[in-house]
Amino acid sequence: MLGLIGKKLGMTQIFDEEGKQVPVTVLEMGPCFVTALRTLDTDGYKAVQLGYFPAKEKKLTKADLGRFKKAGTSNYTYTREIRTENLEGLQLGQQVGAENFEAGDWVDITAVSVGRGFQGVVKRHHFKGAQTMSHGTKMGREPGSVGSRAGGVGCRKETPKGKKMPGRMGNERVTVQNVKVVQVDAKNNIVLVRGAVPGPENRCLVVRTALKRPVNRNWKVPAAKTETSTPQEASSPESPEKNS
C-alpha cells in the first residue's frame, strides 16, 4: 500500500477524451518526508511514517520534539503512518511525493468532514416529518416519542441505546473508498481525483492506494530530494488531528 499526506485545494472540472465533463477534486499531495520506519523485528508490523508541513519548534510538544530528534529529521506539523509491505529504498529524511500515484489508480481518502453544527432529526437523520402542517398537527420537525415505560405506569421512561436524536452533525473522521485518480502532476505534487472528497478546502487528508483494489508497486523516491528544515510560508492545512 502506498500513501501520502496532503490537503484539499478545491473542486473544478475537466473534459475527457470524448469531450465529457468530469468533476474532479484538486489535491496537493506532499511533499512528505520519511520520519520513521516500522519493521516486523522492532514493531511487529511494517509501515512508514510520513511528516508533512514543517512546524516551528515552539508549536510542538516536548514529546514530538524528542521523537523527531531521535529520528534525526526536521519537525513537522502532521505525521501519519502508512501500512506497507515494501520498505525498499525508504530511508529517514527522504522525500516522497505525487509521483507515487498514477492516472487510473484507485485510492481511499481519509479526512475530517465539514462541521454542520447542532442539527435536528430531519436534517441529521433524514426524518420525513409531518405530512402536513395543517389540521392542528404538533409534530412538524420533531422526533416524536423517544422512549417507553416498559415496566408499566410509574416506571422510569428510558430511551433505548442508539436512538436517533438531534445532535452535532459532521466534523468527524470519514473515509471514502475506491476514488479514481484522473490526472497526476508530479512536478507540482498535484493529484486530480474524480468526484468529491470529505472536508473543506485546505483540510489535511490522507490518500492511500485502495484497500479493495491494491497495486503492486514500489515506492518512488527521488534520489536528489531530501528534507529541509525551513518552514513554509503558506498557511497550514486545517486538521483537528495533528500528530499520530
C-alpha atoms as a PDB file:
ATOM      1  CA  MET A   1       0.000   0.000   0.000  1.00  0.00           C
ATOM      2  CA  LEU A   2       1.248   3.471  -0.918  1.00  0.00           C
ATOM      3  CA  GLY A   3       0.031   6.723   0.613  1.00  0.00           C
ATOM      4  CA  LEU A   4       0.705  10.412   1.153  1.00  0.00           C
ATOM      5  CA  ILE A   5      -0.427  13.302   3.345  1.00  0.00           C
ATOM      6  CA  GLY A   6      -1.761  16.400   1.641  1.00  0.00           C
ATOM      7  CA  LYS A   7      -4.551  18.939   1.581  1.00  0.00           C
ATOM      8  CA  LYS A   8      -7.677  19.631  -0.417  1.00  0.00           C
ATOM      9  CA  LEU A   9      -7.384  22.671  -2.679  1.00  0.00           C
ATOM     10  CA  GLY A  10     -10.911  22.659  -4.082  1.00  0.00           C
ATOM     11  CA  MET A  11     -13.078  21.320  -6.905  1.00  0.00           C
ATOM     12  CA  THR A  12     -13.127  22.016 -10.620  1.00  0.00           C
ATOM     13  CA  GLN A  13     -13.957  20.228 -13.858  1.00  0.00           C
ATOM     14  CA  ILE A  14     -12.045  18.803 -16.800  1.00  0.00           C
ATOM     15  CA  PHE A  15     -13.032  17.187 -20.074  1.00  0.00           C
ATOM     16  CA  ASP A  16     -12.028  13.655 -21.044  1.00  0.00           C
ATOM     17  CA  GLU A  17     -11.001  12.387 -24.479  1.00  0.00           C
ATOM     18  CA  GLU A  18     -14.639  12.045 -25.513  1.00  0.00           C
ATOM     19  CA  GLY A  19     -15.405  15.625 -24.523  1.00  0.00           C
ATOM     20  CA  LYS A  20     -17.450  14.638 -21.470  1.00  0.00           C
ATOM     21  CA  GLN A  21     -17.363  16.844 -18.391  1.00  0.00           C
ATOM     22  CA  VAL A  22     -15.683  15.211 -15.376  1.00  0.00           C
ATOM     23  CA  PRO A  23     -15.959  16.747 -11.870  1.00  0.00           C
ATOM     24  CA  VAL A  24     -12.643  16.490 -10.009  1.00  0.00           C
ATOM     25  CA  THR A  25     -11.139  17.469  -6.680  1.00  0.00           C
ATOM     26  CA  VAL A  26      -7.666  19.015  -6.719  1.00  0.00           C
ATOM     27  CA  LEU A  27      -5.337  17.630  -4.040  1.00  0.00           C
ATOM     28  CA  GLU A  28      -1.875  18.850  -3.120  1.00  0.00           C
ATOM     29  CA  MET A  29      -0.032  15.680  -2.099  1.00  0.00           C
ATOM     30  CA  GLY A  30       3.134  16.455  -0.192  1.00  0.00           C
ATOM     31  CA  PRO A  31       5.958  16.867  -0.358  1.00  0.00           C
ATOM     32  CA  CYS A  32       6.146  14.374   2.508  1.00  0.00           C
ATOM     33  CA  PHE A  33       9.250  13.187   4.329  1.00  0.00           C
ATOM     34  CA  VAL A  34      10.015   9.860   5.979  1.00  0.00           C
ATOM     35  CA  THR A  35      10.164  10.363   9.753  1.00  0.00           C
ATOM     36  CA  ALA A  36      10.104   6.721  10.928  1.00  0.00           C
ATOM     37  CA  LEU A  37      10.144   3.163   9.619  1.00  0.00           C
ATOM     38  CA  ARG A  38       8.240   0.346  11.325  1.00  0.00           C
ATOM     39  CA  THR A  39       9.579  -3.181  10.869  1.00  0.00           C
ATOM     40  CA  LEU A  40       8.479  -6.653  11.926  1.00  0.00           C
ATOM     41  CA  ASP A  41      11.529  -7.135  14.142  1.00  0.00           C
ATOM     42  CA  THR A  42      11.100  -3.990  16.242  1.00  0.00           C
ATOM     43  CA  ASP A  43       7.392  -3.097  15.932  1.00  0.00           C
ATOM     44  CA  GLY A  44       5.604  -6.262  14.792  1.00  0.00           C
ATOM     45  CA  TYR A  45       4.328  -4.693  11.573  1.00  0.00           C
ATOM     46  CA  LYS A  46       5.586  -2.864   8.503  1.00  0.00           C
ATOM     47  CA  ALA A  47       4.791   0.789   7.930  1.00  0.00           C
ATOM     48  CA  VAL A  48       6.314   4.106   7.001  1.00  0.00           C
ATOM     49  CA  GLN A  49       5.632   7.274   8.992  1.00  0.00           C
ATOM     50  CA  LEU A  50       5.436  10.423   6.905  1.00  0.00           C
ATOM     51  CA  GLY A  51       5.734  14.036   8.000  1.00  0.00           C
ATOM     52  CA  TYR A  52       4.002  16.919   6.239  1.00  0.00           C
ATOM     53  CA  PHE A  53       4.290  20.698   6.535  1.00  0.00           C
ATOM     54  CA  PRO A  54       7.315  21.932   8.535  1.00  0.00           C
ATOM     55  CA  ALA A  55       6.484  23.151  12.045  1.00  0.00           C
ATOM     56  CA  LYS A  56       8.099  25.705  14.316  1.00  0.00           C
ATOM     57  CA  GLU A  57       9.690  24.244  17.441  1.00  0.00           C
ATOM     58  CA  LYS A  58       7.590  26.378  19.801  1.00  0.00           C
ATOM     59  CA  LYS A  59       4.369  24.904  18.392  1.00  0.00           C
ATOM     60  CA  LEU A  60       5.258  21.284  19.189  1.00  0.00           C
ATOM     61  CA  THR A  61       5.227  19.364  22.446  1.00  0.00           C
ATOM     62  CA  LYS A  62       8.394  18.031  24.065  1.00  0.00           C
ATOM     63  CA  ALA A  63       7.306  14.507  23.144  1.00  0.00           C
ATOM     64  CA  ASP A  64       7.045  15.443  19.466  1.00  0.00           C
ATOM     65  CA  LEU A  65      10.372  17.261  19.522  1.00  0.00           C
ATOM     66  CA  GLY A  66      12.036  14.253  21.134  1.00  0.00           C
ATOM     67  CA  ARG A  67      10.546  11.935  18.543  1.00  0.00           C
ATOM     68  CA  PHE A  68      11.817  13.998  15.616  1.00  0.00           C
ATOM     69  CA  LYS A  69      15.216  14.480  17.263  1.00  0.00           C
ATOM     70  CA  LYS A  70      15.597  10.742  17.787  1.00  0.00           C
ATOM     71  CA  ALA A  71      14.780  10.120  14.135  1.00  0.00           C
ATOM     72  CA  GLY A  72      17.206  12.849  13.050  1.00  0.00           C
ATOM     73  CA  THR A  73      14.603  14.621  10.904  1.00  0.00           C
ATOM     74  CA  SER A  74      13.047  18.065  10.794  1.00  0.00           C
ATOM     75  CA  ASN A  75       9.910  18.974  12.739  1.00  0.00           C
ATOM     76  CA  TYR A  76       6.533  18.521  11.073  1.00  0.00           C
ATOM     77  CA  THR A  77       3.004  19.581  11.895  1.00  0.00           C
ATOM     78  CA  TYR A  78       1.337  16.383  10.684  1.00  0.00           C
ATOM     79  CA  THR A  79       2.546  12.796  10.835  1.00  0.00           C
ATOM     80  CA  ARG A  80       0.706   9.705   9.647  1.00  0.00           C
ATOM     81  CA  GLU A  81       1.621   6.043   9.285  1.00  0.00           C
ATOM     82  CA  ILE A  82       1.034   4.185   6.028  1.00  0.00           C
ATOM     83  CA  ARG A  83       0.961   0.395   6.291  1.00  0.00           C
ATOM     84  CA  THR A  84       3.124  -1.071   3.542  1.00  0.00           C
ATOM     85  CA  GLU A  85       4.730  -4.427   2.855  1.00  0.00           C
ATOM     86  CA  ASN A  86       7.620  -2.955   0.887  1.00  0.00           C
ATOM     87  CA  LEU A  87      10.088  -0.625   2.622  1.00  0.00           C
ATOM     88  CA  GLU A  88      12.757  -0.971  -0.057  1.00  0.00           C
ATOM     89  CA  GLY A  89      14.502   2.302  -0.865  1.00  0.00           C
ATOM     90  CA  LEU A  90      12.969   4.230   2.037  1.00  0.00           C
ATOM     91  CA  GLN A  91      15.272   5.996   4.479  1.00  0.00           C
ATOM     92  CA  LEU A  92      14.783   8.630   7.173  1.00  0.00           C
ATOM     93  CA  GLY A  93      14.582  12.134   5.729  1.00  0.00           C
ATOM     94  CA  GLN A  94      13.777  11.071   2.184  1.00  0.00           C
ATOM     95  CA  GLN A  95      11.124  12.973   0.257  1.00  0.00           C
ATOM     96  CA  VAL A  96       8.158  11.291  -1.396  1.00  0.00           C
ATOM     97  CA  GLY A  97       5.522  12.998  -3.495  1.00  0.00           C
ATOM     98  CA  ALA A  98       2.745  12.687  -6.039  1.00  0.00           C
ATOM     99  CA  GLU A  99       4.907  10.578  -8.364  1.00  0.00           C
ATOM    100  CA  ASN A 100       3.845   7.562  -6.296  1.00  0.00           C
ATOM    101  CA  PHE A 101       0.361   7.766  -7.841  1.00  0.00           C
ATOM    102  CA  GLU A 102      -0.600   7.211 -11.464  1.00  0.00           C
ATOM    103  CA  ALA A 103      -3.661   8.077 -13.521  1.00  0.00           C
ATOM    104  CA  GLY A 104      -6.131   5.212 -13.291  1.00  0.00           C
ATOM    105  CA  ASP A 105      -5.198   4.238  -9.720  1.00  0.00           C
ATOM    106  CA  TRP A 106      -7.943   3.678  -7.148  1.00  0.00           C
ATOM    107  CA  VAL A 107      -7.407   5.292  -3.762  1.00  0.00           C
ATOM    108  CA  ASP A 108      -9.031   5.602  -0.327  1.00  0.00           C
ATOM    109  CA  ILE A 109      -9.187   9.135   1.102  1.00  0.00           C
ATOM    110  CA  THR A 110      -9.477   9.862   4.840  1.00  0.00           C
ATOM    111  CA  ALA A 111     -10.305  13.338   6.164  1.00  0.00           C
ATOM    112  CA  VAL A 112     -12.431  15.168   8.720  1.00  0.00           C
ATOM    113  CA  SER A 113     -15.798  16.114   7.247  1.00  0.00           C
ATOM    114  CA  VAL A 114     -17.300  19.607   7.228  1.00  0.00           C
ATOM    115  CA  GLY A 115     -18.914  20.522  10.558  1.00  0.00           C
ATOM    116  CA  ARG A 116     -22.665  21.275  10.373  1.00  0.00           C
ATOM    117  CA  GLY A 117     -23.239  22.252  13.982  1.00  0.00           C
ATOM    118  CA  PHE A 118     -26.210  21.133  16.087  1.00  0.00           C
ATOM    119  CA  GLN A 119     -28.964  19.816  13.807  1.00  0.00           C
ATOM    120  CA  GLY A 120     -32.403  18.277  14.211  1.00  0.00           C
ATOM    121  CA  VAL A 121     -33.505  14.827  13.161  1.00  0.00           C
ATOM    122  CA  VAL A 122     -34.874  15.897   9.764  1.00  0.00           C
ATOM    123  CA  LYS A 123     -31.502  17.135   8.532  1.00  0.00           C
ATOM    124  CA  ARG A 124     -29.313  14.811  10.585  1.00  0.00           C
ATOM    125  CA  HIS A 125     -31.165  11.507  10.087  1.00  0.00           C
ATOM    126  CA  HIS A 126     -33.467  12.372   7.151  1.00  0.00           C
ATOM    127  CA  PHE A 127     -36.699  12.010   9.121  1.00  0.00           C
ATOM    128  CA  LYS A 128     -39.703  12.745   6.952  1.00  0.00           C
ATOM    129  CA  GLY A 129     -41.513  14.965   9.458  1.00  0.00           C
ATOM    130  CA  ALA A 130     -45.237  15.687   9.424  1.00  0.00           C
ATOM    131  CA  GLN A 131     -47.129  15.017   6.202  1.00  0.00           C
ATOM    132  CA  THR A 132     -48.932  18.319   6.579  1.00  0.00           C
ATOM    133  CA  MET A 133     -48.579  21.285   8.887  1.00  0.00           C
ATOM    134  CA  SER A 134     -52.350  21.917   8.967  1.00  0.00           C
ATOM    135  CA  HIS A 135     -55.243  20.466  10.977  1.00  0.00           C
ATOM    136  CA  GLY A 136     -53.565  21.137  14.308  1.00  0.00           C
ATOM    137  CA  THR A 137     -50.623  18.708  13.997  1.00  0.00           C
ATOM    138  CA  LYS A 138     -47.976  19.146  16.707  1.00  0.00           C
ATOM    139  CA  MET A 139     -45.266  17.035  15.085  1.00  0.00           C
ATOM    140  CA  GLY A 140     -43.660  19.219  12.410  1.00  0.00           C
ATOM    141  CA  ARG A 141     -39.909  18.512  12.520  1.00  0.00           C
ATOM    142  CA  GLU A 142     -39.882  16.940  15.968  1.00  0.00           C
ATOM    143  CA  PRO A 143     -38.533  13.391  16.539  1.00  0.00           C
ATOM    144  CA  GLY A 144     -41.674  12.090  18.261  1.00  0.00           C
ATOM    145  CA  SER A 145     -41.586   9.533  21.070  1.00  0.00           C
ATOM    146  CA  VAL A 146     -38.103   8.697  22.299  1.00  0.00           C
ATOM    147  CA  GLY A 147     -38.839   6.029  24.911  1.00  0.00           C
ATOM    148  CA  SER A 148     -41.394   3.907  26.691  1.00  0.00           C
ATOM    149  CA  ARG A 149     -42.362   2.738  30.173  1.00  0.00           C
ATOM    150  CA  ALA A 150     -41.878  -0.975  29.572  1.00  0.00           C
ATOM    151  CA  GLY A 151     -42.433  -1.747  33.259  1.00  0.00           C
ATOM    152  CA  GLY A 152     -45.847  -0.110  33.349  1.00  0.00           C
ATOM    153  CA  VAL A 153     -47.268   3.043  34.874  1.00  0.00           C
ATOM    154  CA  GLY A 154     -44.925   4.715  37.360  1.00  0.00           C
ATOM    155  CA  CYS A 155     -41.753   3.204  35.908  1.00  0.00           C
ATOM    156  CA  ARG A 156     -38.960   5.452  34.679  1.00  0.00           C
ATOM    157  CA  LYS A 157     -39.103   6.272  30.982  1.00  0.00           C
ATOM    158  CA  GLU A 158     -35.978   5.018  29.248  1.00  0.00           C
ATOM    159  CA  THR A 159     -34.520   5.989  25.887  1.00  0.00           C
ATOM    160  CA  PRO A 160     -33.115   2.957  24.018  1.00  0.00           C
ATOM    161  CA  LYS A 161     -29.422   2.991  23.193  1.00  0.00           C
ATOM    162  CA  GLY A 162     -28.705   4.161  19.655  1.00  0.00           C
ATOM    163  CA  LYS A 163     -31.943   6.141  19.312  1.00  0.00           C
ATOM    164  CA  LYS A 164     -31.679   8.693  16.503  1.00  0.00           C
ATOM    165  CA  MET A 165     -31.774  12.093  18.181  1.00  0.00           C
ATOM    166  CA  PRO A 166     -30.819  15.710  17.428  1.00  0.00           C
ATOM    167  CA  GLY A 167     -27.137  16.475  17.940  1.00  0.00           C
ATOM    168  CA  ARG A 168     -23.854  17.541  16.416  1.00  0.00           C
ATOM    169  CA  MET A 169     -23.563  16.755  12.715  1.00  0.00           C
ATOM    170  CA  GLY A 170     -20.352  16.404  10.717  1.00  0.00           C
ATOM    171  CA  ASN A 171     -16.819  17.203  11.933  1.00  0.00           C
ATOM    172  CA  GLU A 172     -15.940  13.517  12.123  1.00  0.00           C
ATOM    173  CA  ARG A 173     -13.358  11.293  10.512  1.00  0.00           C
ATOM    174  CA  VAL A 174     -14.643   9.923   7.208  1.00  0.00           C
ATOM    175  CA  THR A 175     -13.076   7.556   4.669  1.00  0.00           C
ATOM    176  CA  VAL A 176     -14.312   7.328   1.084  1.00  0.00           C
ATOM    177  CA  GLN A 177     -13.180   4.223  -0.770  1.00  0.00           C
ATOM    178  CA  ASN A 178     -12.404   3.483  -4.404  1.00  0.00           C
ATOM    179  CA  VAL A 179     -11.890   7.036  -5.670  1.00  0.00           C
ATOM    180  CA  LYS A 180     -10.307   7.128  -9.126  1.00  0.00           C
ATOM    181  CA  VAL A 181      -7.184   9.155  -9.864  1.00  0.00           C
ATOM    182  CA  VAL A 182      -7.760  11.126 -13.071  1.00  0.00           C
ATOM    183  CA  GLN A 183      -4.518  13.089 -13.514  1.00  0.00           C
ATOM    184  CA  VAL A 184      -1.163  13.427 -11.753  1.00  0.00           C
ATOM    185  CA  ASP A 185       1.186  16.407 -11.944  1.00  0.00           C
ATOM    186  CA  ALA A 186       4.246  15.013 -10.170  1.00  0.00           C
ATOM    187  CA  LYS A 187       6.292  18.182 -10.761  1.00  0.00           C
ATOM    188  CA  ASN A 188       3.882  20.312  -8.708  1.00  0.00           C
ATOM    189  CA  ASN A 189       2.672  17.484  -6.401  1.00  0.00           C
ATOM    190  CA  ILE A 190      -0.897  17.832  -7.686  1.00  0.00           C
ATOM    191  CA  VAL A 191      -3.350  14.926  -7.964  1.00  0.00           C
ATOM    192  CA  LEU A 192      -6.827  15.154  -9.508  1.00  0.00           C
ATOM    193  CA  VAL A 193      -9.386  12.607  -8.293  1.00  0.00           C
ATOM    194  CA  ARG A 194     -12.862  12.063  -9.662  1.00  0.00           C
ATOM    195  CA  GLY A 195     -15.769  13.418  -7.609  1.00  0.00           C
ATOM    196  CA  ALA A 196     -15.861  14.957  -4.160  1.00  0.00           C
ATOM    197  CA  VAL A 197     -13.847  14.112  -1.053  1.00  0.00           C
ATOM    198  CA  PRO A 198     -14.590  14.848   2.638  1.00  0.00           C
ATOM    199  CA  GLY A 199     -13.692  18.107   4.329  1.00  0.00           C
ATOM    200  CA  PRO A 200     -13.450  21.807   3.461  1.00  0.00           C
ATOM    201  CA  GLU A 201     -10.687  23.443   1.428  1.00  0.00           C
ATOM    202  CA  ASN A 202      -7.196  23.405   2.986  1.00  0.00           C
ATOM    203  CA  ARG A 203      -8.165  20.491   5.250  1.00  0.00           C
ATOM    204  CA  CYS A 204      -5.407  17.945   5.840  1.00  0.00           C
ATOM    205  CA  LEU A 205      -6.169  14.479   4.439  1.00  0.00           C
ATOM    206  CA  VAL A 206      -4.517  11.114   3.812  1.00  0.00           C
ATOM    207  CA  VAL A 207      -4.629   9.346   0.449  1.00  0.00           C
ATOM    208  CA  ARG A 208      -3.789   5.630   0.260  1.00  0.00           C
ATOM    209  CA  THR A 209      -3.985   3.123  -2.567  1.00  0.00           C
ATOM    210  CA  ALA A 210      -7.364   1.399  -2.329  1.00  0.00           C
ATOM    211  CA  LEU A 211      -7.564  -1.472   0.119  1.00  0.00           C
ATOM    212  CA  LYS A 212     -10.031  -3.322  -2.117  1.00  0.00           C
ATOM    213  CA  ARG A 213      -8.084  -2.581  -5.319  1.00  0.00           C
ATOM    214  CA  PRO A 214      -4.412  -2.794  -4.289  1.00  0.00           C
ATOM    215  CA  VAL A 215      -1.472  -2.087  -6.584  1.00  0.00           C
ATOM    216  CA  ASN A 216       1.820  -3.969  -6.525  1.00  0.00           C
ATOM    217  CA  ARG A 217       4.254  -1.095  -6.944  1.00  0.00           C
ATOM    218  CA  ASN A 218       7.397   0.045  -5.153  1.00  0.00           C
ATOM    219  CA  TRP A 219       7.787   3.450  -3.531  1.00  0.00           C
ATOM    220  CA  LYS A 220       9.247   6.069  -5.867  1.00  0.00           C
ATOM    221  CA  VAL A 221      11.824   8.134  -4.009  1.00  0.00           C
ATOM    222  CA  PRO A 222      13.632  10.945  -5.887  1.00  0.00           C
ATOM    223  CA  ALA A 223      17.327  10.444  -5.203  1.00  0.00           C
ATOM    224  CA  ALA A 224      18.193  14.139  -5.284  1.00  0.00           C
ATOM    225  CA  LYS A 225      15.464  15.379  -2.960  1.00  0.00           C
ATOM    226  CA  THR A 226      15.981  15.497   0.791  1.00  0.00           C
ATOM    227  CA  GLU A 227      14.176  17.201   3.625  1.00  0.00           C
ATOM    228  CA  THR A 228      14.513  20.858   4.516  1.00  0.00           C
ATOM    229  CA  SER A 229      14.009  22.432   7.908  1.00  0.00           C
ATOM    230  CA  THR A 230      12.816  25.801   6.520  1.00  0.00           C
ATOM    231  CA  PRO A 231       9.146  26.369   7.461  1.00  0.00           C
ATOM    232  CA  GLN A 232       6.789  27.066   4.576  1.00  0.00           C
ATOM    233  CA  GLU A 233       5.225  30.498   4.312  1.00  0.00           C
ATOM    234  CA  ALA A 234       1.820  29.211   3.217  1.00  0.00           C
ATOM    235  CA  SER A 235      -0.956  28.690   5.744  1.00  0.00           C
ATOM    236  CA  SER A 236      -1.047  25.346   7.493  1.00  0.00           C
ATOM    237  CA  PRO A 237      -3.769  22.885   6.441  1.00  0.00           C
ATOM    238  CA  GLU A 238      -6.595  22.687   8.947  1.00  0.00           C
ATOM    239  CA  SER A 239      -6.976  19.454  10.871  1.00  0.00           C
ATOM    240  CA  PRO A 240      -8.042  18.662  14.452  1.00  0.00           C
ATOM    241  CA  GLU A 241      -5.727  15.625  14.462  1.00  0.00           C
ATOM    242  CA  LYS A 242      -2.175  16.874  14.076  1.00  0.00           C
ATOM    243  CA  ASN A 243       0.137  14.028  15.097  1.00  0.00           C
ATOM    244  CA  SER A 244      -0.369  10.314  15.297  1.00  0.00           C
END
